[in-house]
Amino acid sequence: MNKLTLKRDRFQAGSLKTEKRNTGEDVWVYRWREYRADGTSTYRKKIVGPVSQIRTKAAAQKAVEGLKLDINATVSSVPVSRTVAELISHYTETELESGRHTTRVQQVYRHNLNDIILPEWGKYRLQDVRPIAVERWLEKMPYAPATKTKVKGVFGTLFRHGMRYQWAPNNPIALARCSSKRVETPDILTPLEIRGILGELSEPARTVTMLAAITGMRRGELFGLRWEDLDFERRTIRIVRSLVDQIEGKPKTETSRKPLPMTDDLASALTCWREQTEYAKSSDWVFASPVSFGRLPYWPDMLLRRHILPAAKRLGILKRIGWHTFRRTAASLLMSSGSSVKTTQELMRHATADITMELYAQAVTEDKREAQNALAALIAGQTIPPIDAVETGIAA
């Protein structure tokens, strides 16, 4: 679509020319395009005045300024035949391929647009997308509430893009309701379970799991580490990149790029792993895979399926475990061990404390029992012996 077409779509400039009437008199005529309900268009025209009175084109243009404003206020200049598929194509070209978004964001948007939204809504004209229909579609989708909310968010962003270009008169997605409330509470691990899993693992699964459990790093950040990102002298870990499907990109947010502390146990484990791996140069991946001759790190899901999940199963741990489980667990254990909300937020590198409290940190059973015992003692006017603190240390 060329720039001239876009300009016409944003505002009806119309055209101004002279025509000879049957009386032989020349008149100025203003013409504009009007769209019908079925998507077809027709041209309308209005006589501005005789050339004998309006002698120049500049004067004629000045005479129709008010008319143009009135036409654009009452007649849609948006071709109603544009479809959701066309809007997706335009959004992909102008936004996703612009380089303004991280690799991860591009992948998420492309997946939602091309694999979920396009098959269902691609053939619909923009004005035919209705909030209730979108709401019913979201309800029937076989995904978790959080995933449905993400799909709705991408769909809404697509329509806002259409509104900016004045292809869509409004955003029907904003009126569609969609709950993001979890159906089930995600599992977190106890310190004893983490210690048991670590004891069952060999390298490099052991070290990467320990790193995930103590720092709460995201999967892409864990496998995006290079040795040059680790400062053993200052005991810090720099978050420089995130690896998604073996494609290197920037961390999720600006807050995500903040460095993390490295405990002595972690420093010891990472040093031991560096002595074992064949890929120990500064520019090498920390968890470089020998299958790719060190050019790429291990696939996260491969280590999870072949090593971590079998280890948990051998220990009789039936919880649903993924890489994000270690992140949720780290947040919960930090809170239960007495860390402040601010400290936990900064260690998790969340943009706000609300994310830390509402989505990640869960009160562990021992904390609930201890708090309830203390409350019962207060009500009864009694004092009770202090209950041992919840064990939160993770042995190396």
Protein backbone atom coordinates (compact mmCIF):
# COMPACT_ATOMS: atom_id res chain seq x y z
CA MET A 1 0.00 0.00 0.00
CA ASN A 2 1.56 3.31 -1.06
CA LYS A 3 1.79 6.52 0.92
CA LEU A 4 -0.75 8.29 -1.32
CA THR A 5 -3.40 5.67 -0.48
CA LEU A 6 -2.72 6.03 3.23
CA LYS A 7 -3.05 9.79 2.99
CA ARG A 8 -6.44 9.51 1.29
CA ASP A 9 -7.61 7.06 3.94
CA ARG A 10 -6.69 9.36 6.81
CA PHE A 11 -8.47 12.44 5.42
CA GLN A 12 -10.75 13.05 2.43
CA ALA A 13 -8.93 15.84 0.58
CA GLY A 14 -11.18 15.39 -2.43
CA SER A 15 -10.51 17.00 -5.81
CA LEU A 16 -11.35 20.38 -7.25
CA LYS A 17 -11.70 21.07 -11.00
CA THR A 18 -13.73 23.10 -13.45
CA GLU A 19 -16.60 21.78 -15.55
CA LYS A 20 -18.66 23.42 -18.30
CA ARG A 21 -22.38 23.53 -17.62
CA ASN A 22 -25.13 23.24 -20.26
CA THR A 23 -25.49 26.98 -20.11
CA GLY A 24 -21.92 27.32 -21.30
CA GLU A 25 -20.73 28.70 -17.98
CA ASP A 26 -17.63 27.19 -16.29
CA VAL A 27 -18.06 26.23 -12.64
CA TRP A 28 -15.83 24.90 -9.91
CA VAL A 29 -16.83 21.34 -8.86
CA TYR A 30 -15.67 19.58 -5.69
CA ARG A 31 -15.65 15.73 -5.79
CA TRP A 32 -15.14 13.23 -2.95
CA ARG A 33 -15.46 9.50 -2.37
CA GLU A 34 -18.19 7.94 -0.23
CA TYR A 35 -18.32 4.32 0.97
CA ARG A 36 -21.45 2.20 0.97
CA ALA A 37 -22.36 -0.39 3.60
CA ASP A 38 -21.45 -3.27 1.27
CA GLY A 39 -17.87 -2.05 0.93
CA THR A 40 -18.18 -0.50 -2.50
CA SER A 41 -17.62 3.21 -3.08
CA THR A 42 -19.00 5.98 -5.25
CA TYR A 43 -18.04 9.53 -6.05
CA ARG A 44 -20.10 12.54 -4.97
CA LYS A 45 -19.78 16.08 -6.24
CA LYS A 46 -20.96 19.57 -5.35
CA ILE A 47 -20.83 22.80 -7.33
CA VAL A 48 -18.76 25.39 -5.47
CA GLY A 49 -19.50 28.39 -7.70
CA PRO A 50 -18.97 29.94 -11.11
CA VAL A 51 -15.45 30.65 -12.34
CA SER A 52 -16.57 34.17 -13.17
CA GLN A 53 -16.96 34.85 -9.44
CA ILE A 54 -14.26 32.53 -8.04
CA ARG A 55 -11.44 33.36 -10.38
CA THR A 56 -8.54 31.26 -8.96
CA LYS A 57 -8.14 27.70 -7.73
CA ALA A 58 -6.76 29.01 -4.45
CA ALA A 59 -9.95 30.94 -3.91
CA ALA A 60 -12.02 27.87 -4.78
CA GLN A 61 -10.03 25.73 -2.33
CA LYS A 62 -10.64 28.29 0.39
CA ALA A 63 -14.35 28.17 -0.39
CA VAL A 64 -14.52 24.39 0.13
CA GLU A 65 -12.51 24.22 3.39
CA GLY A 66 -15.64 24.19 5.50
CA LEU A 67 -17.27 21.68 3.17
CA LYS A 68 -14.29 19.30 3.50
CA LEU A 69 -14.45 19.40 7.29
CA ASP A 70 -18.17 18.67 7.20
CA ILE A 71 -17.70 15.74 4.80
CA ASN A 72 -14.93 14.19 6.91
CA ALA A 73 -17.05 14.55 10.03
CA THR A 74 -20.04 12.76 8.54
CA VAL A 75 -18.69 10.44 5.84
CA SER A 76 -16.29 7.64 6.68
CA SER A 77 -13.04 7.69 4.74
CA VAL A 78 -12.17 4.20 5.96
CA PRO A 79 -12.63 1.49 3.32
CA VAL A 80 -14.92 -0.99 5.06
CA SER A 81 -13.59 -3.88 3.00
CA ARG A 82 -10.31 -4.13 4.95
CA THR A 83 -10.00 -7.34 6.88
CA VAL A 84 -8.30 -8.45 10.07
CA ALA A 85 -5.82 -10.39 7.92
CA GLU A 86 -4.83 -7.20 6.11
CA LEU A 87 -4.44 -5.37 9.40
CA ILE A 88 -2.22 -8.17 10.77
CA SER A 89 -0.06 -7.97 7.66
CA HIS A 90 0.31 -4.20 7.99
CA TYR A 91 1.03 -4.37 11.74
CA THR A 92 3.69 -7.04 11.19
CA GLU A 93 5.38 -4.97 8.51
CA THR A 94 5.30 -1.60 10.25
CA GLU A 95 5.67 -2.62 13.91
CA LEU A 96 7.13 -6.08 14.42
CA GLU A 97 9.73 -5.69 11.69
CA SER A 98 10.71 -2.20 12.79
CA GLY A 99 13.31 -3.36 15.32
CA ARG A 100 11.57 -1.55 18.19
CA HIS A 101 10.65 -4.78 19.99
CA THR A 102 12.75 -7.51 21.59
CA THR A 103 13.01 -10.90 19.95
CA ARG A 104 10.81 -12.41 22.64
CA VAL A 105 8.05 -9.81 22.14
CA GLN A 106 8.15 -10.36 18.39
CA GLN A 107 7.81 -14.11 18.84
CA VAL A 108 4.90 -13.78 21.27
CA TYR A 109 3.03 -11.36 19.00
CA ARG A 110 3.66 -13.36 15.82
CA HIS A 111 2.43 -16.53 17.52
CA ASN A 112 -0.74 -14.88 18.82
CA LEU A 113 -1.47 -13.06 15.57
CA ASN A 114 -0.66 -15.79 13.05
CA ASP A 115 -1.48 -18.98 14.96
CA ILE A 116 -4.45 -17.93 17.10
CA ILE A 117 -6.13 -14.75 15.85
CA LEU A 118 -5.66 -15.06 12.08
CA PRO A 119 -7.30 -18.52 11.62
CA GLU A 120 -10.44 -17.40 13.46
CA TRP A 121 -10.76 -13.73 12.52
CA GLY A 122 -8.63 -13.23 9.39
CA LYS A 123 -11.54 -13.07 6.92
CA TYR A 124 -13.64 -10.71 9.05
CA ARG A 125 -13.98 -7.09 7.99
CA LEU A 126 -12.80 -4.78 10.76
CA GLN A 127 -16.26 -3.31 11.38
CA ASP A 128 -17.73 -6.83 11.70
CA VAL A 129 -15.65 -7.77 14.75
CA ARG A 130 -18.00 -7.50 17.74
CA PRO A 131 -17.11 -7.49 21.47
CA ILE A 132 -19.58 -10.25 22.41
CA ALA A 133 -18.32 -12.54 19.64
CA VAL A 134 -14.72 -12.00 20.81
CA GLU A 135 -15.78 -12.66 24.39
CA ARG A 136 -17.46 -15.97 23.48
CA TRP A 137 -14.41 -16.99 21.43
CA LEU A 138 -12.07 -16.30 24.36
CA GLU A 139 -14.30 -18.32 26.70
CA LYS A 140 -14.15 -21.39 24.44
CA MET A 141 -10.37 -21.31 23.92
CA PRO A 142 -8.62 -24.32 25.53
CA TYR A 143 -6.00 -22.16 27.24
CA ALA A 144 -5.28 -20.95 30.76
CA PRO A 145 -6.88 -17.62 31.78
CA ALA A 146 -3.53 -15.84 31.69
CA THR A 147 -2.93 -17.03 28.12
CA LYS A 148 -6.39 -15.87 27.04
CA THR A 149 -5.67 -12.47 28.55
CA LYS A 150 -2.45 -12.23 26.54
CA VAL A 151 -4.30 -13.15 23.34
CA LYS A 152 -6.90 -10.46 24.06
CA GLY A 153 -4.13 -7.95 24.73
CA VAL A 154 -2.45 -8.63 21.39
CA PHE A 155 -5.81 -8.46 19.58
CA GLY A 156 -6.51 -5.12 21.27
CA THR A 157 -3.09 -3.78 20.29
CA LEU A 158 -3.82 -4.77 16.70
CA PHE A 159 -7.06 -2.76 16.67
CA ARG A 160 -5.38 0.25 18.28
CA HIS A 161 -2.91 0.10 15.40
CA GLY A 162 -5.86 0.12 13.00
CA MET A 163 -7.35 3.13 14.78
CA ARG A 164 -4.09 5.06 14.48
CA TYR A 165 -4.24 4.60 10.72
CA GLN A 166 -8.00 5.28 10.79
CA TRP A 167 -8.76 1.88 9.33
CA ALA A 168 -10.94 0.95 12.31
CA PRO A 169 -13.42 3.39 13.89
CA ASN A 170 -13.07 1.87 17.37
CA ASN A 171 -11.53 -0.96 19.38
CA PRO A 172 -14.16 -3.66 20.02
CA ILE A 173 -11.62 -5.81 21.90
CA ALA A 174 -11.55 -3.28 24.76
CA LEU A 175 -15.21 -4.10 25.51
CA ALA A 176 -14.73 -7.89 25.55
CA ARG A 177 -14.45 -9.30 29.06
CA CYS A 178 -11.76 -11.84 29.91
CA SER A 179 -10.73 -13.04 33.36
CA SER A 180 -7.02 -13.59 34.04
CA LYS A 181 -7.64 -15.33 37.36
CA ARG A 182 -5.74 -18.61 37.66
CA VAL A 183 -7.79 -21.79 37.69
CA GLU A 184 -5.23 -23.48 39.94
CA THR A 185 -2.51 -22.10 42.19
CA PRO A 186 0.92 -22.90 40.74
CA ASP A 187 3.15 -25.21 42.76
CA ILE A 188 6.19 -24.07 44.70
CA LEU A 189 8.92 -26.28 46.10
CA THR A 190 10.12 -26.58 49.68
CA PRO A 191 13.80 -26.14 50.56
CA LEU A 192 13.97 -29.88 51.34
CA GLU A 193 12.58 -30.77 47.92
CA ILE A 194 15.06 -28.48 46.18
CA ARG A 195 17.96 -29.97 48.12
CA GLY A 196 16.76 -33.46 47.22
CA ILE A 197 16.51 -32.65 43.51
CA LEU A 198 20.00 -31.11 43.49
CA GLY A 199 21.37 -34.27 45.11
CA GLU A 200 19.94 -36.37 42.28
CA LEU A 201 21.39 -34.32 39.44
CA SER A 202 24.67 -34.46 37.56
CA GLU A 203 26.32 -31.58 35.71
CA PRO A 204 25.37 -29.27 34.16
CA ALA A 205 21.76 -29.84 35.28
CA ARG A 206 22.78 -29.52 38.92
CA THR A 207 24.45 -26.12 38.61
CA VAL A 208 21.81 -24.55 36.35
CA THR A 209 19.05 -25.77 38.71
CA MET A 210 20.89 -24.39 41.71
CA LEU A 211 21.32 -21.08 39.90
CA ALA A 212 17.59 -20.98 39.07
CA ALA A 213 16.55 -21.86 42.64
CA ILE A 214 18.74 -19.30 44.39
CA THR A 215 18.54 -16.36 41.98
CA GLY A 216 15.06 -16.89 40.51
CA MET A 217 16.43 -16.05 37.05
CA ARG A 218 14.16 -16.57 34.07
CA ARG A 219 14.82 -19.49 31.74
CA GLY A 220 16.07 -17.31 28.88
CA GLU A 221 18.41 -15.46 31.24
CA LEU A 222 19.86 -18.68 32.67
CA PHE A 223 20.76 -20.12 29.30
CA GLY A 224 21.77 -16.74 27.89
CA LEU A 225 24.69 -16.40 30.32
CA ARG A 226 28.26 -16.20 29.07
CA TRP A 227 31.26 -16.56 31.36
CA GLU A 228 32.09 -12.89 30.85
CA ASP A 229 28.77 -12.03 32.54
CA LEU A 230 29.96 -13.53 35.84
CA ASP A 231 32.15 -11.40 38.09
CA PHE A 232 33.57 -13.85 40.62
CA GLU A 233 35.66 -11.18 42.33
CA ARG A 234 32.71 -8.88 43.04
CA ARG A 235 30.28 -11.79 43.32
CA THR A 236 27.77 -10.40 40.78
CA ILE A 237 25.86 -11.75 37.79
CA ARG A 238 25.14 -9.37 34.92
CA ILE A 239 21.90 -9.94 33.01
CA VAL A 240 22.85 -8.91 29.48
CA ARG A 241 20.68 -11.05 27.23
CA SER A 242 17.85 -13.57 27.09
CA LEU A 243 17.84 -16.63 24.86
CA VAL A 244 14.48 -17.78 23.50
CA ASP A 245 14.42 -20.84 21.23
CA GLN A 246 18.19 -20.37 20.83
CA ILE A 247 17.66 -16.83 19.48
CA GLU A 248 19.51 -14.11 21.35
CA GLY A 249 17.60 -11.02 22.43
CA LYS A 250 17.42 -8.38 25.13
CA PRO A 251 16.13 -9.11 28.65
CA LYS A 252 12.38 -8.85 29.19
CA THR A 253 12.35 -5.32 30.64
CA GLU A 254 14.72 -2.54 31.71
CA THR A 255 14.29 -3.67 35.31
CA SER A 256 15.30 -7.20 34.29
CA ARG A 257 18.78 -5.97 33.34
CA LYS A 258 19.80 -5.14 36.89
CA PRO A 259 22.71 -7.28 38.18
CA LEU A 260 22.20 -10.02 40.74
CA PRO A 261 24.35 -11.00 43.71
CA MET A 262 26.26 -14.29 43.54
CA THR A 263 26.36 -16.27 46.80
CA ASP A 264 29.52 -18.09 47.85
CA ASP A 265 27.80 -21.43 47.21
CA LEU A 266 26.89 -20.35 43.70
CA ALA A 267 30.39 -19.06 43.02
CA SER A 268 31.83 -22.39 44.15
CA ALA A 269 29.39 -24.42 42.02
CA LEU A 270 29.97 -22.28 38.91
CA THR A 271 33.74 -22.42 39.37
CA CYS A 272 33.63 -26.23 39.60
CA TRP A 273 31.48 -26.41 36.45
CA ARG A 274 33.89 -24.13 34.57
CA GLU A 275 36.72 -26.49 35.42
CA GLN A 276 34.73 -29.42 33.95
CA THR A 277 33.33 -27.91 30.76
CA GLU A 278 35.27 -27.77 27.50
CA TYR A 279 33.88 -24.30 26.85
CA ALA A 280 35.36 -22.06 29.53
CA LYS A 281 36.53 -19.01 27.58
CA SER A 282 35.04 -15.64 28.53
CA SER A 283 32.92 -15.49 25.38
CA ASP A 284 31.59 -19.06 25.74
CA TRP A 285 28.10 -19.87 26.96
CA VAL A 286 28.09 -20.91 30.61
CA PHE A 287 25.95 -23.92 29.74
CA ALA A 288 27.32 -24.57 26.26
CA SER A 289 26.12 -27.78 24.63
CA PRO A 290 28.74 -30.19 23.23
CA VAL A 291 26.17 -31.30 20.65
CA SER A 292 26.50 -27.89 18.95
CA PHE A 293 30.26 -27.81 19.69
CA GLY A 294 29.67 -24.95 22.10
CA ARG A 295 28.05 -22.65 19.55
CA LEU A 296 24.74 -22.83 21.42
CA PRO A 297 23.72 -23.61 25.00
CA TYR A 298 21.70 -26.65 26.04
CA TRP A 299 18.00 -26.60 25.24
CA PRO A 300 16.21 -25.72 28.53
CA ASP A 301 13.32 -28.13 27.97
CA MET A 302 15.71 -30.97 27.21
CA LEU A 303 17.47 -30.60 30.58
CA LEU A 304 14.10 -30.29 32.30
CA ARG A 305 12.56 -33.42 30.70
CA ARG A 306 15.62 -35.67 30.78
CA HIS A 307 17.13 -34.75 34.12
CA ILE A 308 15.15 -32.49 36.48
CA LEU A 309 11.68 -34.04 36.15
CA PRO A 310 12.98 -37.64 36.43
CA ALA A 311 14.93 -36.61 39.54
CA ALA A 312 11.77 -35.18 41.12
CA LYS A 313 9.83 -38.32 40.20
CA ARG A 314 12.45 -40.57 41.85
CA LEU A 315 12.01 -38.54 45.04
CA GLY A 316 8.23 -38.90 44.90
CA ILE A 317 7.65 -35.19 44.21
CA LEU A 318 4.39 -35.02 42.25
CA LYS A 319 4.22 -31.25 41.84
CA ARG A 320 4.12 -29.64 38.40
CA ILE A 321 7.62 -28.36 37.84
CA GLY A 322 8.87 -26.05 35.11
CA TRP A 323 11.67 -23.52 34.97
CA HIS A 324 9.32 -20.82 36.23
CA THR A 325 8.57 -22.96 39.30
CA PHE A 326 12.04 -22.14 40.62
CA ARG A 327 11.38 -18.42 40.14
CA ARG A 328 8.08 -18.54 42.03
CA THR A 329 9.71 -20.65 44.74
CA ALA A 330 12.58 -18.19 45.16
CA ALA A 331 10.15 -15.29 45.65
CA SER A 332 8.05 -17.24 48.16
CA LEU A 333 11.02 -18.47 50.19
CA LEU A 334 12.56 -15.01 50.29
CA MET A 335 9.35 -13.62 51.76
CA SER A 336 8.92 -16.47 54.22
CA SER A 337 12.51 -16.11 55.45
CA GLY A 338 11.92 -12.51 56.44
CA SER A 339 13.07 -10.53 53.40
CA SER A 340 11.24 -7.26 52.86
CA VAL A 341 8.90 -6.80 49.94
CA LYS A 342 11.32 -4.22 48.46
CA THR A 343 14.30 -6.58 48.69
CA THR A 344 12.34 -9.46 47.17
CA GLN A 345 11.09 -7.22 44.38
CA GLU A 346 14.63 -6.13 43.52
CA LEU A 347 16.03 -9.65 43.62
CA MET A 348 13.21 -10.86 41.36
CA ARG A 349 13.70 -7.71 39.22
CA HIS A 350 9.99 -7.02 39.06
CA ALA A 351 8.79 -3.64 37.82
CA THR A 352 6.43 -3.24 40.81
CA ALA A 353 5.99 -4.76 44.25
CA ASP A 354 2.42 -5.74 43.29
CA ILE A 355 3.79 -8.30 40.82
CA THR A 356 5.97 -9.78 43.54
CA MET A 357 3.18 -10.06 46.09
CA GLU A 358 0.20 -11.00 43.91
CA LEU A 359 1.69 -13.30 41.30
CA TYR A 360 4.79 -14.88 42.80
CA ALA A 361 5.17 -14.88 46.57
CA GLN A 362 2.95 -17.52 48.19
CA ALA A 363 2.81 -18.11 51.91
CA VAL A 364 4.18 -21.58 52.67
CA THR A 365 2.24 -23.99 54.86
CA GLU A 366 4.62 -23.71 57.81
CA ASP A 367 4.24 -19.92 57.86
CA LYS A 368 0.46 -20.19 57.87
CA ARG A 369 0.51 -22.69 60.71
CA GLU A 370 2.93 -20.58 62.77
CA ALA A 371 0.85 -17.44 62.25
CA GLN A 372 -2.36 -19.25 63.17
CA ASN A 373 -0.81 -20.68 66.35
CA ALA A 374 0.36 -17.22 67.35
CA LEU A 375 -3.11 -15.78 66.73
CA ALA A 376 -4.77 -18.56 68.77
CA ALA A 377 -2.35 -17.90 71.63
CA LEU A 378 -3.16 -14.19 71.59
CA ILE A 379 -6.89 -14.87 71.69
CA ALA A 380 -6.47 -17.32 74.54
CA GLY A 381 -4.19 -14.94 76.44
CA GLN A 382 -1.45 -17.55 76.45
CA THR A 383 2.17 -17.63 75.40
CA ILE A 384 3.52 -20.52 73.37
CA PRO A 385 7.07 -21.68 72.78
CA PRO A 386 8.48 -20.25 69.54
CA ILE A 387 8.22 -22.61 66.62
CA ASP A 388 11.46 -23.28 64.79
CA ALA A 389 11.95 -20.98 61.84
CA VAL A 390 11.11 -22.35 58.48
CA GLU A 391 14.18 -23.91 56.95
CA THR A 392 15.09 -21.81 53.93
CA GLY A 393 18.72 -22.60 53.26
CA ILE A 394 19.55 -24.50 50.07
CA ALA A 395 22.58 -26.67 50.53
CA ALA A 396 25.18 -26.77 47.81
